[in-house]
Amino acid sequence: MTDSDGRPDRGPAAPDGEPEYADRVYRSVPGVISGVLLLAVAAWLIGDAAVTGTGKTPYVSLAAVPVFAFPVIAYTLRPEVRAGRGRLVVRNPWRTIVAPWASVEGLRAGYSVELFAGGRKYQVWAVPVSLRQRKRAARAQGRGSAEHASRTGLGPGLAARTNPVVQGSSDPTRAWSDQVTDVLQGMAERNAARPDAAGPVVVRWCWWVIAPTLVGLIALITVIAV
């Protein structure tokens, strides 16, 4: 549901009187799809080996389940960026970074999206950079500038200056990762002065992924060695 401005429904008013909106959530849809497909194929192969295999094969296949499944979940299904009123939460494969907006020094989209907060740099796995998207966006921007120049009679350089890039998730002249980086950078600048946006950066390890993977690896090595 959205309000009259096209934004998500407003929640209860914040302490400062401004309305609360739902957090912005960013995830890589291709990453999620590939993770689901990998897990489905692995379940089929491991299940077949466990049922029809002979000797140590069923035990090896079962011991390999956490070694394969949890890293796949960590790298495809788990990554997420959640931008709220007071903080930015970045879920990476093995860690979760909670950065209040006041601690965010900036975000940069180079060959990967990077978060600079609390004097450190963190990769943002949930927003992968696609060079193919950037090339496609550059071609779309070039076509837009050329069409604008032909309609107005302006030269290409002047047309580019009078046809600014439109910010938004549907802008074909910007790669998705670059648009998300700009949105998050803008939120950091707007929200840094809020009273609830202060505090240190907190980094938490994702032990529910790490521990089963290590246990499964030990079990797999033991089964193979015995």
Foldseek 3Di string as FASTA:
>chain_A
DADPVRFADWDDADPVRHTFGFWDKFADPVLQVVLVVVLVVLCVVLVCQLVPNDDLRNVLSVLCCLLPNLQSCLQRVFFMWTGGLFWIWTRHSWKIKIAGLLQWPAWDDDQFIWTQGPNDIDTRRRQGDDPVLQVQLCVVLQVVLVVQCVVVVHDSVVSSVVDDQDADCPGSNDRNSVSVRVVVRVSSVVRSPDPSRDDHMDMDTDCVSVVSNVVSVVSSVVSVVD
